[in-house]
């Protein structure tokens, strides 16, 4: 579903809260809420929100790893296990 199909004014949000909750049970697409014709917020179901938080955290970890690799802050797998055995 296109986001443009899920745009509602804030006045509609106020009077259709129960309907919105029911709709999220069937359709996990976010709802764009406008005020005075301007997009002001996004409403989404909790599962989608949690999934997005997890995805963002994972992407941050990937970017941190890429940065460390580009800065040469890594070691080979062989060296890692050799160091690990020395500590154990």
C-alpha atoms as a PDB file:
ATOM      1  CA  UNK A   1       0.000   0.000   0.000  1.00  0.00           C
ATOM      2  CA  UNK A   2       1.250   3.470  -0.861  1.00  0.00           C
ATOM      3  CA  UNK A   3       1.827   5.867   1.999  1.00  0.00           C
ATOM      4  CA  UNK A   4      -0.212   8.465   0.139  1.00  0.00           C
ATOM      5  CA  UNK A   5      -3.257   6.237   0.636  1.00  0.00           C
ATOM      6  CA  UNK A   6      -2.796   6.328   4.414  1.00  0.00           C
ATOM      7  CA  UNK A   7      -2.829  10.090   5.051  1.00  0.00           C
ATOM      8  CA  UNK A   8      -5.429  11.474   7.436  1.00  0.00           C
ATOM      9  CA  UNK A   9      -6.002  14.842   9.129  1.00  0.00           C
ATOM     10  CA  UNK A  10      -5.595  15.022  12.892  1.00  0.00           C
ATOM     11  CA  UNK A  11      -9.332  15.655  13.283  1.00  0.00           C
ATOM     12  CA  UNK A  12     -10.005  12.237  11.705  1.00  0.00           C
ATOM     13  CA  UNK A  13      -7.478  10.614  14.044  1.00  0.00           C
ATOM     14  CA  UNK A  14      -9.277  11.987  17.089  1.00  0.00           C
ATOM     15  CA  UNK A  15     -12.666  10.638  16.058  1.00  0.00           C
ATOM     16  CA  UNK A  16     -11.520   7.245  14.687  1.00  0.00           C
ATOM     17  CA  UNK A  17      -9.028   5.978  17.285  1.00  0.00           C
ATOM     18  CA  UNK A  18     -10.734   2.601  17.804  1.00  0.00           C
ATOM     19  CA  UNK A  19     -10.993   2.079  14.048  1.00  0.00           C
ATOM     20  CA  UNK A  20      -7.286   2.827  13.659  1.00  0.00           C
ATOM     21  CA  UNK A  21      -6.358   0.201  16.256  1.00  0.00           C
ATOM     22  CA  UNK A  22      -8.541  -2.405  14.527  1.00  0.00           C
ATOM     23  CA  UNK A  23      -7.044  -1.483  11.167  1.00  0.00           C
ATOM     24  CA  UNK A  24      -3.501  -2.029  12.450  1.00  0.00           C
ATOM     25  CA  UNK A  25      -4.435  -5.605  13.347  1.00  0.00           C
ATOM     26  CA  UNK A  26      -5.030  -6.286   9.635  1.00  0.00           C
ATOM     27  CA  UNK A  27      -2.792  -3.746   7.927  1.00  0.00           C
ATOM     28  CA  UNK A  28       0.613  -2.862   9.341  1.00  0.00           C
ATOM     29  CA  UNK A  29       1.151   0.123   7.041  1.00  0.00           C
ATOM     30  CA  UNK A  30       1.891   3.347   8.902  1.00  0.00           C
ATOM     31  CA  UNK A  31      -0.627   6.171   9.002  1.00  0.00           C
ATOM     32  CA  UNK A  32       0.500   9.723   8.194  1.00  0.00           C
ATOM     33  CA  UNK A  33      -1.272  12.366  10.281  1.00  0.00           C
ATOM     34  CA  UNK A  34      -1.533  15.915   8.982  1.00  0.00           C
ATOM     35  CA  UNK A  35      -2.304  19.208  10.664  1.00  0.00           C
ATOM     36  CA  UNK A  36      -3.278  22.193   8.544  1.00  0.00           C
ATOM     37  CA  UNK A  37      -2.407  20.143   5.465  1.00  0.00           C
ATOM     38  CA  UNK A  38       1.159  19.420   6.578  1.00  0.00           C
ATOM     39  CA  UNK A  39       2.438  15.976   7.609  1.00  0.00           C
ATOM     40  CA  UNK A  40       3.149  16.099  11.347  1.00  0.00           C
ATOM     41  CA  UNK A  41       3.469  12.524  12.594  1.00  0.00           C
ATOM     42  CA  UNK A  42       3.439   8.851  11.729  1.00  0.00           C
ATOM     43  CA  UNK A  43       1.324   6.315  13.609  1.00  0.00           C
ATOM     44  CA  UNK A  44       2.303   2.659  13.375  1.00  0.00           C
ATOM     45  CA  UNK A  45       1.616  -0.597  15.149  1.00  0.00           C
ATOM     46  CA  UNK A  46       3.976  -1.631  17.934  1.00  0.00           C
ATOM     47  CA  UNK A  47       5.410  -4.666  16.099  1.00  0.00           C
ATOM     48  CA  UNK A  48       6.453  -2.536  13.135  1.00  0.00           C
ATOM     49  CA  UNK A  49       7.975   0.051  15.477  1.00  0.00           C
ATOM     50  CA  UNK A  50       9.958  -2.591  17.389  1.00  0.00           C
ATOM     51  CA  UNK A  51      11.150  -4.171  14.134  1.00  0.00           C
ATOM     52  CA  UNK A  52      12.337  -0.782  12.894  1.00  0.00           C
ATOM     53  CA  UNK A  53      14.233  -0.142  16.138  1.00  0.00           C
ATOM     54  CA  UNK A  54      15.950  -3.535  15.837  1.00  0.00           C
ATOM     55  CA  UNK A  55      16.799  -2.873  12.190  1.00  0.00           C
ATOM     56  CA  UNK A  56      18.289   0.532  13.011  1.00  0.00           C
ATOM     57  CA  UNK A  57      20.379  -0.957  15.831  1.00  0.00           C
ATOM     58  CA  UNK A  58      21.652  -3.685  13.505  1.00  0.00           C
ATOM     59  CA  UNK A  59      22.530  -1.143  10.805  1.00  0.00           C
ATOM     60  CA  UNK A  60      24.449   0.933  13.363  1.00  0.00           C
ATOM     61  CA  UNK A  61      26.477  -2.146  14.319  1.00  0.00           C
ATOM     62  CA  UNK A  62      27.225  -2.867  10.670  1.00  0.00           C
ATOM     63  CA  UNK A  63      28.368   0.725  10.131  1.00  0.00           C
ATOM     64  CA  UNK A  64      30.567   0.584  13.226  1.00  0.00           C
ATOM     65  CA  UNK A  65      32.166  -2.597  11.896  1.00  0.00           C
ATOM     66  CA  UNK A  66      32.709  -1.092   8.458  1.00  0.00           C
ATOM     67  CA  UNK A  67      34.344   1.951  10.044  1.00  0.00           C
ATOM     68  CA  UNK A  68      36.663  -0.209  12.136  1.00  0.00           C
ATOM     69  CA  UNK A  69      37.642  -2.215   9.059  1.00  0.00           C
ATOM     70  CA  UNK A  70      38.387   0.950   7.076  1.00  0.00           C
ATOM     71  CA  UNK A  71      40.538   2.196   9.978  1.00  0.00           C
ATOM     72  CA  UNK A  72      42.412  -1.107  10.150  1.00  0.00           C
ATOM     73  CA  UNK A  73      41.033  -1.909  13.610  1.00  0.00           C
ATOM     74  CA  UNK A  74      40.559  -5.618  13.070  1.00  0.00           C
ATOM     75  CA  UNK A  75      42.464  -8.865  13.150  1.00  0.00           C
ATOM     76  CA  UNK A  76      42.284 -12.083  11.213  1.00  0.00           C
ATOM     77  CA  UNK A  77      40.160 -14.944  12.491  1.00  0.00           C
ATOM     78  CA  UNK A  78      43.296 -17.008  13.039  1.00  0.00           C
ATOM     79  CA  UNK A  79      44.873 -14.314  15.213  1.00  0.00           C
ATOM     80  CA  UNK A  80      41.641 -13.867  17.140  1.00  0.00           C
ATOM     81  CA  UNK A  81      41.473 -17.544  18.077  1.00  0.00           C
ATOM     82  CA  UNK A  82      45.192 -17.660  18.870  1.00  0.00           C
ATOM     83  CA  UNK A  83      44.770 -14.709  21.253  1.00  0.00           C
ATOM     84  CA  UNK A  84      41.666 -16.306  22.738  1.00  0.00           C
ATOM     85  CA  UNK A  85      43.527 -19.550  23.442  1.00  0.00           C
ATOM     86  CA  UNK A  86      46.351 -17.616  25.123  1.00  0.00           C
ATOM     87  CA  UNK A  87      43.860 -15.925  27.464  1.00  0.00           C
ATOM     88  CA  UNK A  88      42.038 -19.183  28.298  1.00  0.00           C
END
